[in-house]
Each structure stands twice: as C-alpha cells, then as structure tokens.
Amino acid sequence: MPLPTWSVACTMLGTPAGLAPFVAHHLAQPVRAVHVFLDRLEPDVAALFAKAGPRLQVTVCDDAWWARRPGGRPDKIFLRQYWNTETARLASDADWMGHIDADEFLVPDVPGGPAFADSLARVPTGIDWVRIGHRERV
C-alpha cells in the first residue's frame, strides 16, 4: 500500500529572510505541496517565492481574495488561517493537509526516524485529524 501524501498550509507575513527558511525547509521534505497565503502583498517575498517551483502554491490575500469569503477578511488571524487552510485542503489532492505557522518547522521526533508519511500511514481508519509536533524556529 502506498504511503499517504501530505501538504502544509501557512498564512504568513514578513520579510524574505524571515519566511524563506520555512518554505525551503518544507520543500526539502517529501511534501506534496506547500500552500503559502501572504497575509499582505510583500513584493520582495512574492518575487522570491515565484522562483520556487510547482510544489509551492502562493496566494496573495488581497481584497479580491477576501471578497470570495462571505463576510470578507476576518479581523482575527486564526480565522484567516482557518479559511486559508480549508481552501488549500479543498483544492489539494494530498491525503493529509497540515497547518503550521511560518516560524515552525515539521521535523521527525527522532533524527533519521520515521518520515511523516510513515507516521500518517499508522493512523487508524476513521481518524481525520492528528496533532504532529513541530520545532520553533527560535
């Protein structure tokens, strides 16, 4: 049986130096896609990410983006994160979609230990969410 596929989604705001490590780290994993939602257009960030390739999906959350959502742009960040992650999940062909903040990194609990797909393969049928540990950038 093939291992499950996974993708991550992140609503982010910052500079290229602050955000590039997140994208680079996750693209170095066997991730299906990294879905980045820029909470505001930062031209330097958008230009950097434009060079990353097809596994990086970048969305600028401008007025036109939020006009698609009933009620427009939520004031609270966790509601924007939820909307963006759900949008990525619905558009994704990955088996699993994770949400992670821009200052967090998914890493195996044990260096050289099982990859995320191996761990996800052990999730019992009928379970539709799991909590996976992460490491803070700091």
C-alpha atoms as a PDB file:
ATOM      1  CA  MET A   1       0.000   0.000   0.000  1.00  0.00           C
ATOM      2  CA  PRO A   2       1.459   3.401  -0.924  1.00  0.00           C
ATOM      3  CA  LEU A   3       2.281   5.868   1.826  1.00  0.00           C
ATOM      4  CA  PRO A   4      -0.182   8.720   2.310  1.00  0.00           C
ATOM      5  CA  THR A   5       0.689  12.090   0.817  1.00  0.00           C
ATOM      6  CA  TRP A   6       0.707  15.312   2.792  1.00  0.00           C
ATOM      7  CA  SER A   7       0.811  19.053   2.238  1.00  0.00           C
ATOM      8  CA  VAL A   8       1.086  22.077   4.507  1.00  0.00           C
ATOM      9  CA  ALA A   9      -0.614  25.461   4.523  1.00  0.00           C
ATOM     10  CA  CYS A  10       0.614  28.641   6.153  1.00  0.00           C
ATOM     11  CA  THR A  11      -0.731  32.181   6.363  1.00  0.00           C
ATOM     12  CA  MET A  12       2.357  34.351   6.638  1.00  0.00           C
ATOM     13  CA  LEU A  13       3.581  37.912   6.822  1.00  0.00           C
ATOM     14  CA  GLY A  14       7.197  39.019   6.919  1.00  0.00           C
ATOM     15  CA  THR A  15      10.429  39.517   5.044  1.00  0.00           C
ATOM     16  CA  PRO A  16      12.180  37.147   2.637  1.00  0.00           C
ATOM     17  CA  ALA A  17      14.849  36.429   5.273  1.00  0.00           C
ATOM     18  CA  GLY A  18      12.184  35.532   7.821  1.00  0.00           C
ATOM     19  CA  LEU A  19       9.944  33.437   5.568  1.00  0.00           C
ATOM     20  CA  ALA A  20      12.313  31.732   3.117  1.00  0.00           C
ATOM     21  CA  PRO A  21      13.637  29.227   5.703  1.00  0.00           C
ATOM     22  CA  PHE A  22      10.101  27.921   6.307  1.00  0.00           C
ATOM     23  CA  VAL A  23       9.467  27.375   2.610  1.00  0.00           C
ATOM     24  CA  ALA A  24      12.923  25.901   1.939  1.00  0.00           C
ATOM     25  CA  HIS A  25      12.703  23.506   4.892  1.00  0.00           C
ATOM     26  CA  HIS A  26       9.309  22.135   3.930  1.00  0.00           C
ATOM     27  CA  LEU A  27      10.091  21.880   0.226  1.00  0.00           C
ATOM     28  CA  ALA A  28      13.137  19.790   1.204  1.00  0.00           C
ATOM     29  CA  GLN A  29      10.679  17.246   2.677  1.00  0.00           C
ATOM     30  CA  PRO A  30       8.645  14.807   0.582  1.00  0.00           C
ATOM     31  CA  VAL A  31       5.685  17.192   0.835  1.00  0.00           C
ATOM     32  CA  ARG A  32       3.118  17.189  -1.966  1.00  0.00           C
ATOM     33  CA  ALA A  33       2.734  20.990  -1.799  1.00  0.00           C
ATOM     34  CA  VAL A  34       3.410  23.986   0.417  1.00  0.00           C
ATOM     35  CA  HIS A  35       0.474  26.385   0.284  1.00  0.00           C
ATOM     36  CA  VAL A  36       1.550  29.897   1.279  1.00  0.00           C
ATOM     37  CA  PHE A  37      -1.058  32.571   1.868  1.00  0.00           C
ATOM     38  CA  LEU A  38       0.568  36.002   2.045  1.00  0.00           C
ATOM     39  CA  ASP A  39      -1.491  37.986   4.551  1.00  0.00           C
ATOM     40  CA  ARG A  40      -0.419  41.127   2.730  1.00  0.00           C
ATOM     41  CA  LEU A  41       1.398  41.611  -0.551  1.00  0.00           C
ATOM     42  CA  GLU A  42       5.102  41.978   0.128  1.00  0.00           C
ATOM     43  CA  PRO A  43       6.658  42.308  -3.358  1.00  0.00           C
ATOM     44  CA  ASP A  44      10.083  41.015  -2.257  1.00  0.00           C
ATOM     45  CA  VAL A  45       8.517  37.889  -0.721  1.00  0.00           C
ATOM     46  CA  ALA A  46       6.249  37.267  -3.702  1.00  0.00           C
ATOM     47  CA  ALA A  47       9.193  37.666  -6.092  1.00  0.00           C
ATOM     48  CA  LEU A  48      11.343  35.228  -4.103  1.00  0.00           C
ATOM     49  CA  PHE A  49       8.592  32.612  -3.907  1.00  0.00           C
ATOM     50  CA  ALA A  50       7.788  32.946  -7.613  1.00  0.00           C
ATOM     51  CA  LYS A  51      11.074  31.125  -8.313  1.00  0.00           C
ATOM     52  CA  ALA A  52      10.369  28.130  -6.067  1.00  0.00           C
ATOM     53  CA  GLY A  53       8.640  25.759  -8.488  1.00  0.00           C
ATOM     54  CA  PRO A  54       5.297  23.992  -8.777  1.00  0.00           C
ATOM     55  CA  ARG A  55       5.183  22.444  -5.287  1.00  0.00           C
ATOM     56  CA  LEU A  56       4.926  25.955  -3.812  1.00  0.00           C
ATOM     57  CA  GLN A  57       1.453  27.421  -4.228  1.00  0.00           C
ATOM     58  CA  VAL A  58       1.382  31.139  -3.361  1.00  0.00           C
ATOM     59  CA  THR A  59      -1.799  33.137  -2.839  1.00  0.00           C
ATOM     60  CA  VAL A  60      -1.819  36.850  -2.054  1.00  0.00           C
ATOM     61  CA  CYS A  61      -4.669  37.548   0.347  1.00  0.00           C
ATOM     62  CA  ASP A  62      -5.697  40.894  -1.117  1.00  0.00           C
ATOM     63  CA  ASP A  63      -9.144  42.484  -1.248  1.00  0.00           C
ATOM     64  CA  ALA A  64     -10.130  40.340  -4.234  1.00  0.00           C
ATOM     65  CA  TRP A  65      -9.148  37.177  -2.327  1.00  0.00           C
ATOM     66  CA  TRP A  66     -11.219  38.095   0.716  1.00  0.00           C
ATOM     67  CA  ALA A  67     -14.187  39.151  -1.429  1.00  0.00           C
ATOM     68  CA  ARG A  68     -14.622  35.406  -2.149  1.00  0.00           C
ATOM     69  CA  ARG A  69     -15.320  34.746   1.534  1.00  0.00           C
ATOM     70  CA  PRO A  70     -18.746  35.506   2.987  1.00  0.00           C
ATOM     71  CA  GLY A  71     -18.134  38.335   5.423  1.00  0.00           C
ATOM     72  CA  GLY A  72     -14.843  39.386   3.817  1.00  0.00           C
ATOM     73  CA  ARG A  73     -11.488  39.401   5.621  1.00  0.00           C
ATOM     74  CA  PRO A  74     -11.702  38.234   9.239  1.00  0.00           C
ATOM     75  CA  ASP A  75     -10.053  40.501  11.785  1.00  0.00           C
ATOM     76  CA  LYS A  76      -8.655  37.606  13.801  1.00  0.00           C
ATOM     77  CA  ILE A  77      -5.616  35.811  12.388  1.00  0.00           C
ATOM     78  CA  PHE A  78      -6.800  32.348  13.458  1.00  0.00           C
ATOM     79  CA  LEU A  79      -9.948  32.799  11.362  1.00  0.00           C
ATOM     80  CA  ARG A  80      -7.843  33.837   8.348  1.00  0.00           C
ATOM     81  CA  GLN A  81      -5.592  30.808   8.946  1.00  0.00           C
ATOM     82  CA  TYR A  82      -8.597  28.503   9.133  1.00  0.00           C
ATOM     83  CA  TRP A  83     -10.142  29.864   5.915  1.00  0.00           C
ATOM     84  CA  ASN A  84      -6.841  29.633   4.043  1.00  0.00           C
ATOM     85  CA  THR A  85      -6.042  26.128   5.268  1.00  0.00           C
ATOM     86  CA  GLU A  86      -9.526  24.898   4.413  1.00  0.00           C
ATOM     87  CA  THR A  87      -9.220  26.477   0.949  1.00  0.00           C
ATOM     88  CA  ALA A  88      -5.897  24.660   0.449  1.00  0.00           C
ATOM     89  CA  ARG A  89      -7.361  21.374   1.708  1.00  0.00           C
ATOM     90  CA  LEU A  90     -10.308  21.538  -0.655  1.00  0.00           C
ATOM     91  CA  ALA A  91      -8.030  22.266  -3.632  1.00  0.00           C
ATOM     92  CA  SER A  92      -5.412  19.671  -2.688  1.00  0.00           C
ATOM     93  CA  ASP A  93      -5.032  16.114  -3.895  1.00  0.00           C
ATOM     94  CA  ALA A  94      -2.916  15.216  -0.850  1.00  0.00           C
ATOM     95  CA  ASP A  95      -4.265  12.696   1.638  1.00  0.00           C
ATOM     96  CA  TRP A  96      -3.460  14.998   4.584  1.00  0.00           C
ATOM     97  CA  MET A  97      -3.291  18.788   4.954  1.00  0.00           C
ATOM     98  CA  GLY A  98      -1.442  20.350   7.840  1.00  0.00           C
ATOM     99  CA  HIS A  99      -1.459  23.881   9.133  1.00  0.00           C
ATOM    100  CA  ILE A 100       1.724  25.297  10.574  1.00  0.00           C
ATOM    101  CA  ASP A 101       2.920  28.805  11.424  1.00  0.00           C
ATOM    102  CA  ALA A 102       5.746  30.468   9.496  1.00  0.00           C
ATOM    103  CA  ASP A 103       8.096  30.252  12.481  1.00  0.00           C
ATOM    104  CA  GLU A 104       7.538  26.500  12.935  1.00  0.00           C
ATOM    105  CA  PHE A 105       9.146  23.514  11.232  1.00  0.00           C
ATOM    106  CA  LEU A 106       7.920  19.953  10.918  1.00  0.00           C
ATOM    107  CA  VAL A 107      10.769  17.626  11.832  1.00  0.00           C
ATOM    108  CA  PRO A 108      10.875  13.948  12.837  1.00  0.00           C
ATOM    109  CA  ASP A 109      10.834  13.377  16.600  1.00  0.00           C
ATOM    110  CA  VAL A 110      13.975  11.300  16.238  1.00  0.00           C
ATOM    111  CA  PRO A 111      16.670  12.345  13.736  1.00  0.00           C
ATOM    112  CA  GLY A 112      16.557   9.801  10.956  1.00  0.00           C
ATOM    113  CA  GLY A 113      13.285   8.497  12.391  1.00  0.00           C
ATOM    114  CA  PRO A 114      10.107   7.737  10.507  1.00  0.00           C
ATOM    115  CA  ALA A 115       9.003  10.291   7.944  1.00  0.00           C
ATOM    116  CA  PHE A 116       5.606  11.937   8.335  1.00  0.00           C
ATOM    117  CA  ALA A 117       4.074   9.720   5.689  1.00  0.00           C
ATOM    118  CA  ASP A 118       5.148   6.641   7.697  1.00  0.00           C
ATOM    119  CA  SER A 119       3.522   8.090  10.803  1.00  0.00           C
ATOM    120  CA  LEU A 120       0.372   9.046   8.917  1.00  0.00           C
ATOM    121  CA  ALA A 121       0.139   5.535   7.468  1.00  0.00           C
ATOM    122  CA  ARG A 122      -0.286   4.228  11.023  1.00  0.00           C
ATOM    123  CA  VAL A 123      -3.296   6.454  11.778  1.00  0.00           C
ATOM    124  CA  PRO A 124      -6.358   4.212  12.179  1.00  0.00           C
ATOM    125  CA  THR A 125      -9.115   4.413   9.586  1.00  0.00           C
ATOM    126  CA  GLY A 126     -11.793   6.878  10.585  1.00  0.00           C
ATOM    127  CA  ILE A 127      -9.437   9.329  12.278  1.00  0.00           C
ATOM    128  CA  ASP A 128      -9.495  12.541  10.285  1.00  0.00           C
ATOM    129  CA  TRP A 129      -7.027  14.699  12.204  1.00  0.00           C
ATOM    130  CA  VAL A 130      -3.824  14.254  14.136  1.00  0.00           C
ATOM    131  CA  ARG A 131      -1.530  16.551  16.044  1.00  0.00           C
ATOM    132  CA  ILE A 132       2.088  16.412  14.966  1.00  0.00           C
ATOM    133  CA  GLY A 133       4.872  18.008  16.946  1.00  0.00           C
ATOM    134  CA  HIS A 134       6.959  20.786  15.465  1.00  0.00           C
ATOM    135  CA  ARG A 135      10.048  22.788  16.294  1.00  0.00           C
ATOM    136  CA  GLU A 136      10.067  26.544  16.740  1.00  0.00           C
ATOM    137  CA  ARG A 137      12.465  28.476  14.539  1.00  0.00           C
ATOM    138  CA  VAL A 138      13.966  30.207  17.544  1.00  0.00           C
END
